[in-house]
């Protein structure tokens, strides 16, 4: 099962060892009670996101959706919202919400079920769908852990200015400049400036800081 790939990543980074609670449950129940496996897959992703946010001093609270958690976690790791990894991962996080809905449909304790329903509940999710949901969880979770731990090329070198380091400057750019349009897509001016001409962006950012100091 692909969950073993995630366990390898967890074992490489000691701070995440407690995630084995979730991976063990996913592996144990994937065939016999997939609703329980789904519940733990969703909880695993939420835990990773909350740990990343918490380590950066960001409290997401207990009611944040998995989409909000995923978006903020990638932001804290230095991925701007327009980055392909952020867009794809945030889209995939929608699957996390659907996991909860699917879990409620097949859970043996959801609103009670007839004996026949209990026998057939796991048949509502075919093998390919189960594999897809678990593989998605493994891929996203592994990417987040490795990125956070510095295995990703996005790990910040000491002399690299990240887009997320310049929130006040970015807000000023977005307030004074129209969004950048490409076809039907629209991007904040600050993101476009950062992505297209990093050297000029950093130069203007330094001027902005000097103006604040004065």
Protein backbone atom coordinates (compact mmCIF):
# COMPACT_ATOMS: atom_id res chain seq x y z
CA UNK A 1 0.00 0.00 0.00
CA UNK A 2 1.23 3.50 -0.83
CA UNK A 3 0.89 4.55 2.83
CA UNK A 4 4.32 2.99 3.30
CA UNK A 5 5.85 5.83 1.23
CA UNK A 6 4.50 8.36 3.69
CA UNK A 7 5.73 6.32 6.64
CA UNK A 8 9.22 6.43 5.16
CA UNK A 9 9.07 10.24 5.01
CA UNK A 10 7.75 10.38 8.59
CA UNK A 11 10.57 8.16 9.80
CA UNK A 12 13.13 10.48 8.21
CA UNK A 13 11.87 13.46 10.23
CA UNK A 14 11.42 12.70 13.92
CA UNK A 15 9.11 15.59 14.78
CA UNK A 16 6.35 13.93 12.73
CA UNK A 17 6.57 10.53 14.45
CA UNK A 18 3.14 10.87 16.07
CA UNK A 19 1.55 10.85 12.61
CA UNK A 20 2.03 7.10 12.70
CA UNK A 21 -1.18 7.04 14.73
CA UNK A 22 -3.01 8.04 11.57
CA UNK A 23 -1.02 5.98 9.07
CA UNK A 24 -1.41 2.83 11.18
CA UNK A 25 -5.18 3.34 11.32
CA UNK A 26 -5.40 4.03 7.59
CA UNK A 27 -3.47 0.86 6.78
CA UNK A 28 -5.47 -1.22 9.26
CA UNK A 29 -8.92 -0.13 8.09
CA UNK A 30 -8.49 0.54 4.36
CA UNK A 31 -10.04 -2.83 3.49
CA UNK A 32 -12.34 -3.57 6.40
CA UNK A 33 -13.78 -0.15 7.32
CA UNK A 34 -12.86 2.45 4.73
CA UNK A 35 -14.88 5.17 6.50
CA UNK A 36 -12.43 4.96 9.40
CA UNK A 37 -9.48 5.11 7.00
CA UNK A 38 -10.98 8.22 5.39
CA UNK A 39 -11.51 9.90 8.72
CA UNK A 40 -7.86 9.40 9.63
CA UNK A 41 -6.61 10.47 6.20
CA UNK A 42 -8.43 13.80 6.53
CA UNK A 43 -7.22 14.23 10.12
CA UNK A 44 -3.65 13.52 9.05
CA UNK A 45 -3.68 16.32 6.46
CA UNK A 46 -5.27 18.74 8.93
CA UNK A 47 -2.66 17.92 11.57
CA UNK A 48 0.24 18.54 9.19
CA UNK A 49 -1.23 21.89 8.13
CA UNK A 50 -1.88 23.00 11.71
CA UNK A 51 1.62 22.00 12.83
CA UNK A 52 3.21 23.99 10.01
CA UNK A 53 1.05 27.03 10.77
CA UNK A 54 1.64 26.74 14.51
CA UNK A 55 5.42 26.56 14.01
CA UNK A 56 5.18 29.89 12.18
CA UNK A 57 3.13 31.47 14.97
CA UNK A 58 -0.19 31.23 13.11
CA UNK A 59 -3.23 29.96 15.00
CA UNK A 60 -5.84 28.66 12.54
CA UNK A 61 -8.33 27.76 15.27
CA UNK A 62 -10.42 24.61 15.44
CA UNK A 63 -13.00 25.45 12.78
CA UNK A 64 -10.79 26.20 9.76
CA UNK A 65 -11.60 24.18 6.66
CA UNK A 66 -8.98 21.89 5.17
CA UNK A 67 -8.81 24.18 2.11
CA UNK A 68 -8.00 27.18 4.34
CA UNK A 69 -5.46 25.16 6.31
CA UNK A 70 -3.73 23.92 3.16
CA UNK A 71 -3.57 27.36 1.56
CA UNK A 72 -2.13 28.98 4.68
CA UNK A 73 0.37 26.18 5.31
CA UNK A 74 1.82 26.52 1.80
CA UNK A 75 1.95 30.28 2.21
CA UNK A 76 3.93 29.89 5.42
CA UNK A 77 6.38 27.63 3.60
CA UNK A 78 7.06 30.35 1.04
CA UNK A 79 4.85 29.34 -1.87
CA UNK A 80 2.97 32.36 -3.29
CA UNK A 81 -0.74 31.76 -4.08
CA UNK A 82 -0.02 31.86 -7.82
CA UNK A 83 2.55 29.04 -7.59
CA UNK A 84 1.50 25.87 -9.41
CA UNK A 85 2.21 23.69 -6.37
CA UNK A 86 -0.06 25.82 -4.20
CA UNK A 87 -2.86 25.83 -6.77
CA UNK A 88 -2.74 22.09 -7.35
CA UNK A 89 -2.42 21.19 -3.67
CA UNK A 90 -5.23 23.53 -2.65
CA UNK A 91 -7.42 22.00 -5.34
CA UNK A 92 -6.56 18.54 -4.11
CA UNK A 93 -7.49 19.59 -0.60
CA UNK A 94 -11.08 19.77 -1.80
CA UNK A 95 -10.86 16.01 -1.78
CA UNK A 96 -10.42 16.29 1.98
CA UNK A 97 -13.85 17.86 2.29
CA UNK A 98 -15.33 15.17 0.08
CA UNK A 99 -13.65 12.56 2.28
CA UNK A 100 -15.76 13.79 5.18
CA UNK A 101 -18.96 13.58 3.13
CA UNK A 102 -18.10 10.11 1.85
CA UNK A 103 -17.19 8.97 5.36
CA UNK A 104 -20.64 10.00 6.59
CA UNK A 105 -22.26 8.00 3.80
CA UNK A 106 -20.44 4.77 4.56
CA UNK A 107 -19.74 5.08 8.29
CA UNK A 108 -21.41 2.32 10.34
CA UNK A 109 -22.33 4.87 13.04
CA UNK A 110 -23.74 7.56 10.76
CA UNK A 111 -27.49 7.77 11.53
CA UNK A 112 -27.59 4.03 12.07
CA UNK A 113 -27.89 1.45 9.29
CA UNK A 114 -29.72 -1.75 8.54
CA UNK A 115 -27.74 -4.96 8.76
CA UNK A 116 -27.71 -5.22 4.97
CA UNK A 117 -26.40 -1.66 4.70
CA UNK A 118 -23.62 -2.50 7.15
CA UNK A 119 -22.59 -5.45 5.01
CA UNK A 120 -22.58 -3.41 1.80
CA UNK A 121 -21.10 -0.12 3.08
CA UNK A 122 -17.55 -0.75 1.89
CA UNK A 123 -18.84 -1.83 -1.52
CA UNK A 124 -19.93 1.79 -2.11
CA UNK A 125 -16.25 2.67 -2.69
CA UNK A 126 -14.50 0.64 -5.38
CA UNK A 127 -10.86 -0.37 -5.19
CA UNK A 128 -9.67 2.28 -7.67
CA UNK A 129 -11.37 5.07 -5.72
CA UNK A 130 -9.87 3.85 -2.45
CA UNK A 131 -6.43 3.73 -4.02
CA UNK A 132 -6.84 7.22 -5.47
CA UNK A 133 -7.91 8.76 -2.16
CA UNK A 134 -5.10 7.14 -0.20
CA UNK A 135 -2.49 7.98 -2.87
CA UNK A 136 -3.65 11.60 -2.89
CA UNK A 137 -3.30 11.80 0.88
CA UNK A 138 0.17 10.25 0.74
CA UNK A 139 1.38 12.56 -2.05
CA UNK A 140 0.14 15.80 -0.48
CA UNK A 141 1.26 14.86 3.04
CA UNK A 142 4.72 13.80 1.86
CA UNK A 143 5.17 16.99 -0.14
CA UNK A 144 4.22 19.19 2.81
CA UNK A 145 6.50 17.42 5.27
CA UNK A 146 9.48 17.41 2.92
CA UNK A 147 8.94 21.04 1.94
CA UNK A 148 8.67 22.10 5.56
CA UNK A 149 11.78 20.16 6.51
CA UNK A 150 13.81 21.77 3.72
CA UNK A 151 13.95 18.95 1.20
CA UNK A 152 12.13 21.06 -1.39
CA UNK A 153 13.94 23.52 -3.68
CA UNK A 154 11.62 26.09 -2.15
CA UNK A 155 13.54 25.90 1.12
CA UNK A 156 14.63 29.45 1.75
CA UNK A 157 18.34 30.22 1.42
CA UNK A 158 19.49 32.92 3.78
CA UNK A 159 19.86 35.53 1.02
CA UNK A 160 16.54 34.88 -0.77
CA UNK A 161 13.64 37.26 -0.23
CA UNK A 162 10.34 35.41 -0.14
CA UNK A 163 7.12 36.93 -1.37
CA UNK A 164 5.52 36.20 2.00
CA UNK A 165 8.22 38.24 3.78
CA UNK A 166 6.84 41.47 2.32
CA UNK A 167 3.16 41.61 3.28
CA UNK A 168 2.98 45.39 3.85
CA UNK A 169 4.81 46.11 0.61
CA UNK A 170 2.61 43.69 -1.31
CA UNK A 171 -0.54 45.29 0.08
CA UNK A 172 0.68 48.71 -1.05
CA UNK A 173 1.43 47.43 -4.55
CA UNK A 174 -1.99 45.80 -4.81
CA UNK A 175 -3.75 48.93 -3.57
CA UNK A 176 -2.02 51.20 -6.07
CA UNK A 177 -1.87 48.91 -9.14
CA UNK A 178 -4.49 47.03 -11.10
CA UNK A 179 -4.37 43.22 -11.14
CA UNK A 180 -2.37 41.59 -13.94
CA UNK A 181 -4.59 39.86 -16.50
CA UNK A 182 -3.66 36.81 -18.58
CA UNK A 183 -6.69 35.68 -20.53
CA UNK A 184 -9.44 34.96 -18.04
CA UNK A 185 -6.99 34.71 -15.15
CA UNK A 186 -6.17 37.61 -12.85
CA UNK A 187 -3.17 37.92 -10.54
CA UNK A 188 -2.43 40.55 -7.87
CA UNK A 189 0.09 43.13 -9.06
CA UNK A 190 2.50 42.23 -6.27
CA UNK A 191 2.60 38.54 -7.26
CA UNK A 192 3.11 39.36 -10.92
CA UNK A 193 5.92 41.81 -10.09
CA UNK A 194 7.64 39.28 -7.80
CA UNK A 195 7.39 36.46 -10.34
CA UNK A 196 8.37 38.41 -13.47
CA UNK A 197 11.16 40.72 -12.26
CA UNK A 198 12.55 39.59 -8.91
CA UNK A 199 15.52 41.99 -9.05
CA UNK A 200 13.37 45.09 -9.50
CA UNK A 201 10.92 43.80 -6.90
CA UNK A 202 13.68 43.49 -4.31
CA UNK A 203 15.05 46.92 -5.22
CA UNK A 204 11.66 48.56 -4.77
CA UNK A 205 11.13 46.64 -1.55
CA UNK A 206 14.39 48.02 -0.13
CA UNK A 207 13.29 51.54 -1.06
CA UNK A 208 9.98 50.86 0.67
CA UNK A 209 11.78 49.81 3.85
CA UNK A 210 14.02 52.87 3.72
CA UNK A 211 10.96 55.09 3.39
CA UNK A 212 9.42 53.42 6.46
CA UNK A 213 12.59 53.99 8.45
CA UNK A 214 12.63 57.65 7.56
